[in-house]
PDB file of N, CA and C in Angstrom:
ATOM      1  N   MET A   1     153.694 237.441 185.920  1.00  0.00           N
ATOM      2  CA  MET A   1     152.431 237.866 186.473  1.00  0.00           C
ATOM      3  C   MET A   1     152.267 237.328 187.894  1.00  0.00           C
ATOM      4  N   ILE A   2     152.004 238.172 188.872  1.00  0.00           N
ATOM      5  CA  ILE A   2     151.772 237.773 190.259  1.00  0.00           C
ATOM      6  C   ILE A   2     150.273 237.563 190.437  1.00  0.00           C
ATOM      7  N   SER A   3     149.906 236.334 190.855  1.00  0.00           N
ATOM      8  CA  SER A   3     148.487 236.040 190.992  1.00  0.00           C
ATOM      9  C   SER A   3     148.020 235.997 192.445  1.00  0.00           C
ATOM     10  N   SER A   4     148.907 235.615 193.358  1.00  0.00           N
ATOM     11  CA  SER A   4     148.519 235.517 194.765  1.00  0.00           C
ATOM     12  C   SER A   4     149.762 235.370 195.632  1.00  0.00           C
ATOM     13  N   LEU A   5     149.541 235.071 196.910  1.00  0.00           N
ATOM     14  CA  LEU A   5     150.644 234.825 197.829  1.00  0.00           C
ATOM     15  C   LEU A   5     150.714 233.337 198.143  1.00  0.00           C
ATOM     16  N   CYS A   6     151.930 232.847 198.331  1.00  0.00           N
ATOM     17  CA  CYS A   6     152.166 231.433 198.655  1.00  0.00           C
ATOM     18  C   CYS A   6     151.474 231.085 199.974  1.00  0.00           C
ATOM     19  N   LYS A   7     150.774 229.933 200.018  1.00  0.00           N
ATOM     20  CA  LYS A   7     150.061 229.493 201.219  1.00  0.00           C
ATOM     21  C   LYS A   7     151.003 229.123 202.356  1.00  0.00           C
ATOM     22  N   TYR A   8     152.296 228.899 202.027  1.00  0.00           N
ATOM     23  CA  TYR A   8     153.251 228.488 203.055  1.00  0.00           C
ATOM     24  C   TYR A   8     154.116 229.644 203.541  1.00  0.00           C
ATOM     25  N   CYS A   9     154.743 230.370 202.615  1.00  0.00           N
ATOM     26  CA  CYS A   9     155.709 231.400 203.012  1.00  0.00           C
ATOM     27  C   CYS A   9     155.237 232.830 202.765  1.00  0.00           C
ATOM     28  N   ASN A  10     154.085 232.997 202.152  1.00  0.00           N
ATOM     29  CA  ASN A  10     153.493 234.315 201.856  1.00  0.00           C
ATOM     30  C   ASN A  10     154.282 235.160 200.861  1.00  0.00           C
ATOM     31  N   LYS A  11     155.164 234.532 200.109  1.00  0.00           N
ATOM     32  CA  LYS A  11     155.861 235.260 199.040  1.00  0.00           C
ATOM     33  C   LYS A  11     154.958 235.286 197.808  1.00  0.00           C
ATOM     34  N   ALA A  12     155.271 236.173 196.883  1.00  0.00           N
ATOM     35  CA  ALA A  12     154.483 236.289 195.653  1.00  0.00           C
ATOM     36  C   ALA A  12     154.587 235.005 194.841  1.00  0.00           C
ATOM     37  N   VAL A  13     153.454 234.586 194.294  1.00  0.00           N
ATOM     38  CA  VAL A  13     153.390 233.397 193.446  1.00  0.00           C
ATOM     39  C   VAL A  13     153.312 233.861 191.998  1.00  0.00           C
ATOM     40  N   HIS A  14     154.228 233.368 191.171  1.00  0.00           N
ATOM     41  CA  HIS A  14     154.269 233.732 189.755  1.00  0.00           C
ATOM     42  C   HIS A  14     153.770 232.556 188.922  1.00  0.00           C
ATOM     43  N   GLY A  15     153.029 232.842 187.886  1.00  0.00           N
ATOM     44  CA  GLY A  15     152.575 231.776 186.994  1.00  0.00           C
ATOM     45  C   GLY A  15     151.065 231.750 186.862  1.00  0.00           C
ATOM     46  N   ARG A  16     150.541 230.520 186.817  1.00  0.00           N
ATOM     47  CA  ARG A  16     149.102 230.345 186.627  1.00  0.00           C
ATOM     48  C   ARG A  16     148.290 231.076 187.703  1.00  0.00           C
ATOM     49  N   VAL A  17     147.098 231.437 187.369  1.00  0.00           N
ATOM     50  CA  VAL A  17     146.208 232.155 188.280  1.00  0.00           C
ATOM     51  C   VAL A  17     145.821 231.274 189.475  1.00  0.00           C
ATOM     52  N   ASP A  18     145.691 229.955 189.266  1.00  0.00           N
ATOM     53  CA  ASP A  18     145.254 229.054 190.331  1.00  0.00           C
ATOM     54  C   ASP A  18     146.420 228.432 191.116  1.00  0.00           C
ATOM     55  N   LYS A  19     147.637 228.889 190.895  1.00  0.00           N
ATOM     56  CA  LYS A  19     148.802 228.353 191.579  1.00  0.00           C
ATOM     57  C   LYS A  19     148.775 228.802 193.049  1.00  0.00           C
ATOM     58  N   LEU A  20     149.021 227.866 193.995  1.00  0.00           N
ATOM     59  CA  LEU A  20     148.910 228.154 195.417  1.00  0.00           C
ATOM     60  C   LEU A  20     150.250 228.344 196.125  1.00  0.00           C
ATOM     61  N   TYR A  21     151.336 227.822 195.545  1.00  0.00           N
ATOM     62  CA  TYR A  21     152.634 227.830 196.211  1.00  0.00           C
ATOM     63  C   TYR A  21     153.684 228.408 195.272  1.00  0.00           C
ATOM     64  N   CYS A  22     154.723 228.992 195.880  1.00  0.00           N
ATOM     65  CA  CYS A  22     155.764 229.600 195.049  1.00  0.00           C
ATOM     66  C   CYS A  22     156.705 228.545 194.464  1.00  0.00           C
ATOM     67  N   GLY A  23     156.710 227.347 195.021  1.00  0.00           N
ATOM     68  CA  GLY A  23     157.556 226.280 194.494  1.00  0.00           C
ATOM     69  C   GLY A  23     157.247 224.944 195.146  1.00  0.00           C
ATOM     70  N   ASP A  24     157.953 223.912 194.695  1.00  0.00           N
ATOM     71  CA  ASP A  24     157.731 222.563 195.214  1.00  0.00           C
ATOM     72  C   ASP A  24     158.068 222.449 196.708  1.00  0.00           C
ATOM     73  N   HIS A  25     159.115 223.156 197.117  1.00  0.00           N
ATOM     74  CA  HIS A  25     159.502 223.095 198.528  1.00  0.00           C
ATOM     75  C   HIS A  25     158.354 223.583 199.426  1.00  0.00           C
ATOM     76  N   CYS A  26     157.773 224.719 199.100  1.00  0.00           N
ATOM     77  CA  CYS A  26     156.675 225.269 199.909  1.00  0.00           C
ATOM     78  C   CYS A  26     155.435 224.383 199.849  1.00  0.00           C
ATOM     79  N   ARG A  27     155.153 223.813 198.698  1.00  0.00           N
ATOM     80  CA  ARG A  27     153.995 222.915 198.575  1.00  0.00           C
ATOM     81  C   ARG A  27     154.169 221.707 199.494  1.00  0.00           C
ATOM     82  N   ALA A  28     155.358 221.083 199.453  1.00  0.00           N
ATOM     83  CA  ALA A  28     155.620 219.910 200.291  1.00  0.00           C
ATOM     84  C   ALA A  28     155.634 220.289 201.772  1.00  0.00           C
ATOM     85  N   ALA A  29     156.268 221.408 202.099  1.00  0.00           N
ATOM     86  CA  ALA A  29     156.350 221.848 203.492  1.00  0.00           C
ATOM     87  C   ALA A  29     154.956 222.150 204.052  1.00  0.00           C
ATOM     88  N   PHE A  30     154.107 222.779 203.245  1.00  0.00           N
ATOM     89  CA  PHE A  30     152.746 223.089 203.674  1.00  0.00           C
ATOM     90  C   PHE A  30     151.977 221.808 203.996  1.00  0.00           C
ATOM     91  N   HIS A  31     152.029 220.835 203.104  1.00  0.00           N
ATOM     92  CA  HIS A  31     151.290 219.588 203.314  1.00  0.00           C
ATOM     93  C   HIS A  31     151.872 218.771 204.462  1.00  0.00           C
ATOM     94  N   ASN A  32     153.190 218.787 204.622  1.00  0.00           N
ATOM     95  CA  ASN A  32     153.803 218.088 205.757  1.00  0.00           C
ATOM     96  C   ASN A  32     153.349 218.707 207.077  1.00  0.00           C
ATOM     97  N   ARG A  33     153.299 220.024 207.144  1.00  0.00           N
ATOM     98  CA  ARG A  33     152.856 220.716 208.351  1.00  0.00           C
ATOM     99  C   ARG A  33     151.391 220.381 208.643  1.00  0.00           C
ATOM    100  N   GLU A  34     150.554 220.356 207.616  1.00  0.00           N
ATOM    101  CA  GLU A  34     149.134 220.036 207.805  1.00  0.00           C
ATOM    102  C   GLU A  34     148.952 218.608 208.312  1.00  0.00           C
ATOM    103  N   ARG A  35     149.684 217.666 207.712  1.00  0.00           N
ATOM    104  CA  ARG A  35     149.581 216.266 208.153  1.00  0.00           C
ATOM    105  C   ARG A  35     150.055 216.118 209.589  1.00  0.00           C
ATOM    106  N   LYS A  36     151.155 216.776 209.932  1.00  0.00           N
ATOM    107  CA  LYS A  36     151.701 216.697 211.284  1.00  0.00           C
ATOM    108  C   LYS A  36     150.712 217.284 212.283  1.00  0.00           C
ATOM    109  N   SER A  37     150.130 218.405 211.975  1.00  0.00           N
ATOM    110  CA  SER A  37     149.161 219.059 212.844  1.00  0.00           C
ATOM    111  C   SER A  37     147.942 218.173 213.051  1.00  0.00           C
ATOM    112  N   THR A  38     147.437 217.590 211.991  1.00  0.00           N
ATOM    113  CA  THR A  38     146.276 216.707 212.070  1.00  0.00           C
ATOM    114  C   THR A  38     146.600 215.482 212.908  1.00  0.00           C
ATOM    115  N   TYR A  39     147.787 214.898 212.711  1.00  0.00           N
ATOM    116  CA  TYR A  39     148.189 213.719 213.464  1.00  0.00           C
ATOM    117  C   TYR A  39     148.254 214.044 214.950  1.00  0.00           C
ATOM    118  N   LYS A  40     148.880 215.180 215.300  1.00  0.00           N
ATOM    119  CA  LYS A  40     148.986 215.558 216.708  1.00  0.00           C
ATOM    120  C   LYS A  40     147.609 215.757 217.318  1.00  0.00           C
ATOM    121  N   ASN A  41     146.732 216.436 216.630  1.00  0.00           N
ATOM    122  CA  ASN A  41     145.387 216.674 217.154  1.00  0.00           C
ATOM    123  C   ASN A  41     144.619 215.372 217.338  1.00  0.00           C
ATOM    124  N   GLU A  42     144.747 214.456 216.395  1.00  0.00           N
ATOM    125  CA  GLU A  42     144.069 213.161 216.511  1.00  0.00           C
ATOM    126  C   GLU A  42     144.637 212.370 217.674  1.00  0.00           C
ATOM    127  N   TYR A  43     145.961 212.405 217.841  1.00  0.00           N
ATOM    128  CA  TYR A  43     146.621 211.679 218.920  1.00  0.00           C
ATOM    129  C   TYR A  43     146.191 212.227 220.277  1.00  0.00           C
ATOM    130  N   ILE A  44     146.195 213.549 220.409  1.00  0.00           N
ATOM    131  CA  ILE A  44     145.780 214.184 221.658  1.00  0.00           C
ATOM    132  C   ILE A  44     144.314 213.889 221.940  1.00  0.00           C
ATOM    133  N   SER A  45     143.482 213.947 220.929  1.00  0.00           N
ATOM    134  CA  SER A  45     142.058 213.658 221.111  1.00  0.00           C
ATOM    135  C   SER A  45     141.841 212.222 221.566  1.00  0.00           C
ATOM    136  N   LYS A  46     142.595 211.296 220.998  1.00  0.00           N
ATOM    137  CA  LYS A  46     142.454 209.891 221.369  1.00  0.00           C
ATOM    138  C   LYS A  46     142.838 209.674 222.834  1.00  0.00           C
ATOM    139  N   ILE A  47     143.944 210.280 223.257  1.00  0.00           N
ATOM    140  CA  ILE A  47     144.374 210.148 224.652  1.00  0.00           C
ATOM    141  C   ILE A  47     143.352 210.791 225.581  1.00  0.00           C
ATOM    142  N   SER A  48     142.865 211.950 225.210  1.00  0.00           N
ATOM    143  CA  SER A  48     141.861 212.641 226.015  1.00  0.00           C
ATOM    144  C   SER A  48     140.613 211.781 226.181  1.00  0.00           C
ATOM    145  N   GLU A  49     140.180 211.134 225.119  1.00  0.00           N
ATOM    146  CA  GLU A  49     139.000 210.261 225.193  1.00  0.00           C
ATOM    147  C   GLU A  49     139.247 209.071 226.118  1.00  0.00           C
ATOM    148  N   ILE A  50     140.443 208.514 226.094  1.00  0.00           N
ATOM    149  CA  ILE A  50     140.773 207.384 226.976  1.00  0.00           C
ATOM    150  C   ILE A  50     140.717 207.836 228.432  1.00  0.00           C
ATOM    151  N   ILE A  51     141.300 208.999 228.720  1.00  0.00           N
ATOM    152  CA  ILE A  51     141.302 209.505 230.088  1.00  0.00           C
ATOM    153  C   ILE A  51     139.879 209.831 230.547  1.00  0.00           C
ATOM    154  N   LYS A  52     139.070 210.409 229.671  1.00  0.00           N
ATOM    155  CA  LYS A  52     137.672 210.695 230.025  1.00  0.00           C
ATOM    156  C   LYS A  52     136.911 209.403 230.304  1.00  0.00           C
ATOM    157  N   LYS A  53     137.174 208.380 229.497  1.00  0.00           N
ATOM    158  CA  LYS A  53     136.516 207.086 229.728  1.00  0.00           C
ATOM    159  C   LYS A  53     136.940 206.517 231.079  1.00  0.00           C
ATOM    160  N   ASN A  54     138.242 206.599 231.383  1.00  0.00           N
ATOM    161  CA  ASN A  54     138.728 206.137 232.685  1.00  0.00           C
ATOM    162  C   ASN A  54     138.021 206.872 233.819  1.00  0.00           C
ATOM    163  N   ARG A  55     137.904 208.202 233.693  1.00  0.00           N
ATOM    164  CA  ARG A  55     137.240 209.009 234.718  1.00  0.00           C
ATOM    165  C   ARG A  55     135.796 208.565 234.906  1.00  0.00           C
ATOM    166  N   ASN A  56     135.105 208.349 233.808  1.00  0.00           N
ATOM    167  CA  ASN A  56     133.706 207.935 233.887  1.00  0.00           C
ATOM    168  C   ASN A  56     133.553 206.573 234.547  1.00  0.00           C
ATOM    169  N   ILE A  57     134.489 205.673 234.301  1.00  0.00           N
ATOM    170  CA  ILE A  57     134.447 204.354 234.944  1.00  0.00           C
ATOM    171  C   ILE A  57     134.670 204.493 236.440  1.00  0.00           C
ATOM    172  N   LEU A  58     135.642 205.322 236.836  1.00  0.00           N
ATOM    173  CA  LEU A  58     135.890 205.546 238.262  1.00  0.00           C
ATOM    174  C   LEU A  58     134.668 206.192 238.919  1.00  0.00           C
ATOM    175  N   LYS A  59     134.111 207.208 238.281  1.00  0.00           N
ATOM    176  CA  LYS A  59     132.936 207.900 238.810  1.00  0.00           C
ATOM    177  C   LYS A  59     131.758 206.940 238.944  1.00  0.00           C
ATOM    178  N   TYR A  60     131.538 206.116 237.929  1.00  0.00           N
ATOM    179  CA  TYR A  60     130.448 205.138 237.947  1.00  0.00           C
ATOM    180  C   TYR A  60     130.565 204.221 239.161  1.00  0.00           C
ATOM    181  N   ASN A  61     131.772 203.764 239.440  1.00  0.00           N
ATOM    182  CA  ASN A  61     131.960 202.858 240.576  1.00  0.00           C
ATOM    183  C   ASN A  61     131.798 203.575 241.906  1.00  0.00           C
ATOM    184  N   ILE A  62     132.232 204.812 242.002  1.00  0.00           N
ATOM    185  CA  ILE A  62     132.014 205.601 243.225  1.00  0.00           C
ATOM    186  C   ILE A  62     130.510 205.786 243.448  1.00  0.00           C
ATOM    187  N   GLU A  63     129.787 206.118 242.386  1.00  0.00           N
ATOM    188  CA  GLU A  63     128.334 206.307 242.503  1.00  0.00           C
ATOM    189  C   GLU A  63     127.622 205.021 242.899  1.00  0.00           C
ATOM    190  N   ARG A  64     128.161 203.878 242.494  1.00  0.00           N
ATOM    191  CA  ARG A  64     127.590 202.587 242.887  1.00  0.00           C
ATOM    192  C   ARG A  64     128.051 202.175 244.279  1.00  0.00           C
ATOM    193  N   GLU A  65     128.858 203.047 244.892  1.00  0.00           N
ATOM    194  CA  GLU A  65     129.448 202.795 246.208  1.00  0.00           C
ATOM    195  C   GLU A  65     130.358 201.584 246.206  1.00  0.00           C
ATOM    196  N   VAL A  66     131.066 201.403 245.097  1.00  0.00           N
ATOM    197  CA  VAL A  66     132.076 200.357 244.983  1.00  0.00           C
ATOM    198  C   VAL A  66     133.432 201.053 245.013  1.00  0.00           C
ATOM    199  N   ALA A  67     133.965 201.244 246.234  1.00  0.00           N
ATOM    200  CA  ALA A  67     135.226 201.969 246.385  1.00  0.00           C
ATOM    201  C   ALA A  67     136.436 201.048 246.271  1.00  0.00           C
ATOM    202  N   ASN A  68     136.211 199.756 246.403  1.00  0.00           N
ATOM    203  CA  ASN A  68     137.287 198.769 246.235  1.00  0.00           C
ATOM    204  C   ASN A  68     136.834 197.744 245.213  1.00  0.00           C
ATOM    205  N   ILE A  69     137.646 197.572 244.184  1.00  0.00           N
ATOM    206  CA  ILE A  69     137.255 196.701 243.076  1.00  0.00           C
ATOM    207  C   ILE A  69     138.494 195.991 242.553  1.00  0.00           C
ATOM    208  N   ASN A  70     138.313 194.836 241.987  1.00  0.00           N
ATOM    209  CA  ASN A  70     139.419 194.100 241.381  1.00  0.00           C
ATOM    210  C   ASN A  70     139.850 194.798 240.097  1.00  0.00           C
ATOM    211  N   SER A  71     141.139 194.891 239.872  1.00  0.00           N
ATOM    212  CA  SER A  71     141.651 195.579 238.678  1.00  0.00           C
ATOM    213  C   SER A  71     141.152 194.942 237.390  1.00  0.00           C
ATOM    214  N   ASN A  72     140.951 193.633 237.393  1.00  0.00           N
ATOM    215  CA  ASN A  72     140.436 192.956 236.194  1.00  0.00           C
ATOM    216  C   ASN A  72     139.023 193.412 235.852  1.00  0.00           C
ATOM    217  N   GLU A  73     138.227 193.710 236.869  1.00  0.00           N
ATOM    218  CA  GLU A  73     136.868 194.208 236.619  1.00  0.00           C
ATOM    219  C   GLU A  73     136.915 195.572 235.932  1.00  0.00           C
ATOM    220  N   LEU A  74     137.852 196.427 236.364  1.00  0.00           N
ATOM    221  CA  LEU A  74     137.998 197.734 235.710  1.00  0.00           C
ATOM    222  C   LEU A  74     138.418 197.565 234.255  1.00  0.00           C
ATOM    223  N   ILE A  75     139.340 196.648 234.012  1.00  0.00           N
ATOM    224  CA  ILE A  75     139.804 196.397 232.642  1.00  0.00           C
ATOM    225  C   ILE A  75     138.658 195.909 231.772  1.00  0.00           C
ATOM    226  N   ILE A  76     137.820 195.036 232.304  1.00  0.00           N
ATOM    227  CA  ILE A  76     136.658 194.541 231.559  1.00  0.00           C
ATOM    228  C   ILE A  76     135.717 195.696 231.216  1.00  0.00           C
ATOM    229  N   MET A  77     135.621 196.683 232.109  1.00  0.00           N
ATOM    230  CA  MET A  77     134.777 197.862 231.850  1.00  0.00           C
ATOM    231  C   MET A  77     135.398 198.792 230.806  1.00  0.00           C
ATOM    232  N   GLY A  78     136.665 198.544 230.451  1.00  0.00           N
ATOM    233  CA  GLY A  78     137.336 199.373 229.450  1.00  0.00           C
ATOM    234  C   GLY A  78     138.369 200.326 230.021  1.00  0.00           C
ATOM    235  N   PHE A  79     138.703 200.162 231.301  1.00  0.00           N
ATOM    236  CA  PHE A  79     139.667 201.049 231.957  1.00  0.00           C
ATOM    237  C   PHE A  79     141.076 200.738 231.466  1.00  0.00           C
ATOM    238  N   SER A  80     141.864 201.786 231.238  1.00  0.00           N
ATOM    239  CA  SER A  80     143.253 201.636 230.825  1.00  0.00           C
ATOM    240  C   SER A  80     144.158 202.250 231.893  1.00  0.00           C
ATOM    241  N   PHE A  81     144.927 201.417 232.564  1.00  0.00           N
ATOM    242  CA  PHE A  81     145.803 201.881 233.639  1.00  0.00           C
ATOM    243  C   PHE A  81     146.995 202.687 233.115  1.00  0.00           C
ATOM    244  N   SER A  82     147.214 202.705 231.821  1.00  0.00           N
ATOM    245  CA  SER A  82     148.349 203.430 231.238  1.00  0.00           C
ATOM    246  C   SER A  82     148.100 204.929 231.106  1.00  0.00           C
ATOM    247  N   PHE A  83     146.849 205.364 231.199  1.00  0.00           N
ATOM    248  CA  PHE A  83     146.516 206.762 230.957  1.00  0.00           C
ATOM    249  C   PHE A  83     145.846 207.399 232.172  1.00  0.00           C
ATOM    250  N   PHE A  84     146.412 208.509 232.620  1.00  0.00           N
ATOM    251  CA  PHE A  84     145.875 209.266 233.743  1.00  0.00           C
ATOM    252  C   PHE A  84     146.399 210.690 233.639  1.00  0.00           C
ATOM    253  N   THR A  85     145.780 211.613 234.381  1.00  0.00           N
ATOM    254  CA  THR A  85     146.177 213.016 234.271  1.00  0.00           C
ATOM    255  C   THR A  85     147.334 213.376 235.185  1.00  0.00           C
ATOM    256  N   HIS A  86     147.340 212.838 236.401  1.00  0.00           N
ATOM    257  CA  HIS A  86     148.411 213.177 237.329  1.00  0.00           C
ATOM    258  C   HIS A  86     148.476 212.174 238.466  1.00  0.00           C
ATOM    259  N   GLU A  87     149.559 212.274 239.238  1.00  0.00           N
ATOM    260  CA  GLU A  87     149.747 211.447 240.419  1.00  0.00           C
ATOM    261  C   GLU A  87     149.924 212.345 241.640  1.00  0.00           C
ATOM    262  N   THR A  88     149.463 211.868 242.783  1.00  0.00           N
ATOM    263  CA  THR A  88     149.752 212.538 244.042  1.00  0.00           C
ATOM    264  C   THR A  88     150.206 211.495 245.043  1.00  0.00           C
ATOM    265  N   VAL A  89     151.027 211.934 245.982  1.00  0.00           N
ATOM    266  CA  VAL A  89     151.521 211.042 247.028  1.00  0.00           C
ATOM    267  C   VAL A  89     150.835 211.451 248.325  1.00  0.00           C
ATOM    268  N   SER A  90     150.220 210.476 248.973  1.00  0.00           N
ATOM    269  CA  SER A  90     149.512 210.750 250.220  1.00  0.00           C
ATOM    270  C   SER A  90     150.517 210.940 251.358  1.00  0.00           C
ATOM    271  N   ASN A  91     150.019 211.375 252.514  1.00  0.00           N
ATOM    272  CA  ASN A  91     150.865 211.546 253.694  1.00  0.00           C
ATOM    273  C   ASN A  91     151.540 210.246 254.098  1.00  0.00           C
ATOM    274  N   SER A  92     150.892 209.123 253.801  1.00  0.00           N
ATOM    275  CA  SER A  92     151.451 207.816 254.145  1.00  0.00           C
ATOM    276  C   SER A  92     152.389 207.281 253.066  1.00  0.00           C
ATOM    277  N   GLY A  93     152.597 208.048 251.999  1.00  0.00           N
ATOM    278  CA  GLY A  93     153.542 207.648 250.958  1.00  0.00           C
ATOM    279  C   GLY A  93     152.937 206.836 249.824  1.00  0.00           C
ATOM    280  N   ARG A  94     151.639 206.684 249.805  1.00  0.00           N
ATOM    281  CA  ARG A  94     150.982 205.932 248.732  1.00  0.00           C
ATOM    282  C   ARG A  94     150.785 206.826 247.511  1.00  0.00           C
ATOM    283  N   VAL A  95     150.968 206.245 246.339  1.00  0.00           N
ATOM    284  CA  VAL A  95     150.836 207.005 245.094  1.00  0.00           C
ATOM    285  C   VAL A  95     149.448 206.768 244.498  1.00  0.00           C
ATOM    286  N   TYR A  96     148.687 207.845 244.392  1.00  0.00           N
ATOM    287  CA  TYR A  96     147.367 207.805 243.776  1.00  0.00           C
ATOM    288  C   TYR A  96     147.479 208.377 242.374  1.00  0.00           C
ATOM    289  N   ARG A  97     146.868 207.708 241.414  1.00  0.00           N
ATOM    290  CA  ARG A  97     146.794 208.210 240.045  1.00  0.00           C
ATOM    291  C   ARG A  97     145.383 208.733 239.813  1.00  0.00           C
ATOM    292  N   PHE A  98     145.309 209.870 239.122  1.00  0.00           N
ATOM    293  CA  PHE A  98     144.023 210.519 238.917  1.00  0.00           C
ATOM    294  C   PHE A  98     143.690 210.657 237.435  1.00  0.00           C
ATOM    295  N   CYS A  99     142.413 210.564 237.166  1.00  0.00           N
ATOM    296  CA  CYS A  99     141.840 210.920 235.873  1.00  0.00           C
ATOM    297  C   CYS A  99     140.949 212.112 236.182  1.00  0.00           C
ATOM    298  N   TYR A 100     141.545 213.281 236.101  1.00  0.00           N
ATOM    299  CA  TYR A 100     140.926 214.538 236.510  1.00  0.00           C
ATOM    300  C   TYR A 100     140.626 214.498 238.004  1.00  0.00           C
ATOM    301  N   ASP A 101     139.367 214.414 238.406  1.00  0.00           N
ATOM    302  CA  ASP A 101     139.018 214.511 239.820  1.00  0.00           C
ATOM    303  C   ASP A 101     138.737 213.166 240.496  1.00  0.00           C
ATOM    304  N   TYR A 102     138.865 212.073 239.782  1.00  0.00           N
ATOM    305  CA  TYR A 102     138.698 210.748 240.370  1.00  0.00           C
ATOM    306  C   TYR A 102     140.021 210.017 240.281  1.00  0.00           C
ATOM    307  N   GLY A 103     140.369 209.347 241.374  1.00  0.00           N
ATOM    308  CA  GLY A 103     141.656 208.681 241.424  1.00  0.00           C
ATOM    309  C   GLY A 103     141.547 207.258 241.907  1.00  0.00           C
ATOM    310  N   TYR A 104     142.698 206.593 241.884  1.00  0.00           N
ATOM    311  CA  TYR A 104     142.735 205.212 242.337  1.00  0.00           C
ATOM    312  C   TYR A 104     144.112 204.883 242.898  1.00  0.00           C
ATOM    313  N   LEU A 105     144.114 203.887 243.747  1.00  0.00           N
ATOM    314  CA  LEU A 105     145.331 203.347 244.351  1.00  0.00           C
ATOM    315  C   LEU A 105     145.302 201.853 244.115  1.00  0.00           C
ATOM    316  N   ILE A 106     146.357 201.331 243.533  1.00  0.00           N
ATOM    317  CA  ILE A 106     146.433 199.882 243.320  1.00  0.00           C
ATOM    318  C   ILE A 106     147.060 199.260 244.562  1.00  0.00           C
ATOM    319  N   ASN A 107     146.272 198.444 245.247  1.00  0.00           N
ATOM    320  CA  ASN A 107     146.738 197.752 246.447  1.00  0.00           C
ATOM    321  C   ASN A 107     147.304 196.395 246.088  1.00  0.00           C
ATOM    322  N   LYS A 108     147.903 195.754 247.068  1.00  0.00           N
ATOM    323  CA  LYS A 108     148.421 194.400 246.862  1.00  0.00           C
ATOM    324  C   LYS A 108     147.273 193.471 246.505  1.00  0.00           C
ATOM    325  N   GLY A 109     147.553 192.488 245.692  1.00  0.00           N
ATOM    326  CA  GLY A 109     146.540 191.524 245.299  1.00  0.00           C
ATOM    327  C   GLY A 109     145.659 191.991 244.154  1.00  0.00           C
ATOM    328  N   GLY A 110     145.986 193.124 243.545  1.00  0.00           N
ATOM    329  CA  GLY A 110     145.228 193.588 242.398  1.00  0.00           C
ATOM    330  C   GLY A 110     143.940 194.323 242.726  1.00  0.00           C
ATOM    331  N   ARG A 111     143.727 194.632 243.997  1.00  0.00           N
ATOM    332  CA  ARG A 111     142.554 195.409 244.381  1.00  0.00           C
ATOM    333  C   ARG A 111     142.838 196.879 244.130  1.00  0.00           C
ATOM    334  N   VAL A 112     141.815 197.612 243.706  1.00  0.00           N
ATOM    335  CA  VAL A 112     141.944 199.027 243.395  1.00  0.00           C
ATOM    336  C   VAL A 112     141.001 199.810 244.294  1.00  0.00           C
ATOM    337  N   LYS A 113     141.564 200.783 245.004  1.00  0.00           N
ATOM    338  CA  LYS A 113     140.767 201.682 245.842  1.00  0.00           C
ATOM    339  C   LYS A 113     140.477 202.921 245.010  1.00  0.00           C
ATOM    340  N   ILE A 114     139.195 203.244 244.851  1.00  0.00           N
ATOM    341  CA  ILE A 114     138.769 204.390 244.050  1.00  0.00           C
ATOM    342  C   ILE A 114     138.374 205.522 244.988  1.00  0.00           C
ATOM    343  N   ILE A 115     138.852 206.720 244.671  1.00  0.00           N
ATOM    344  CA  ILE A 115     138.536 207.879 245.504  1.00  0.00           C
ATOM    345  C   ILE A 115     138.168 209.073 244.624  1.00  0.00           C
ATOM    346  N   GLN A 116     137.605 210.059 245.275  1.00  0.00           N
ATOM    347  CA  GLN A 116     137.344 211.337 244.638  1.00  0.00           C
ATOM    348  C   GLN A 116     138.411 212.314 245.149  1.00  0.00           C
ATOM    349  N   MET A 117     138.762 213.314 244.370  1.00  0.00           N
ATOM    350  CA  MET A 117     139.806 214.279 244.728  1.00  0.00           C
ATOM    351  C   MET A 117     139.624 214.767 246.159  1.00  0.00           C
ATOM    352  N   GLY A 118     140.720 214.778 246.918  1.00  0.00           N
ATOM    353  CA  GLY A 118     140.694 215.283 248.290  1.00  0.00           C
ATOM    354  C   GLY A 118     140.434 214.233 249.346  1.00  0.00           C
ATOM    355  N   GLU A 119     140.187 212.989 248.968  1.00  0.00           N
ATOM    356  CA  GLU A 119     139.864 211.945 249.945  1.00  0.00           C
ATOM    357  C   GLU A 119     141.071 211.165 250.439  1.00  0.00           C
ATOM    358  N   HIS A 120     142.239 211.293 249.802  1.00  0.00           N
ATOM    359  CA  HIS A 120     143.400 210.473 250.207  1.00  0.00           C
ATOM    360  C   HIS A 120     144.171 211.119 251.353  1.00  0.00           C
ATOM    361  N   ASN A 121     144.745 210.273 252.179  1.00  0.00           N
ATOM    362  CA  ASN A 121     145.565 210.735 253.322  1.00  0.00           C
ATOM    363  C   ASN A 121     146.893 210.028 253.334  1.00  0.00           C
TER     364      ASN A 121
END
């Protein structure tokens, strides 16, 4: 008796009316795919939240007119230097890291110059 289609491979499922998979392989493969998908989405969401937090910290300091700040102060605010959206190299060869539209340059001595997109030369 065919009751439905397998949730993983869409082949006919034989047996009980409430059976969801055509066999153990499809059941395991379906759940592995779901777990993997959920893990990736959670991981991406976590990174996105870190980058958004970094952006908000940079924006907050620009709005306070604090364009140069000690890196330790940013860390205390919750900034993570490991996460950013992209890097650009200025005409003078300096590498700016950006969290969307706000960026920073780490200078000697641990000072950080904060800029808004388009301000670096």
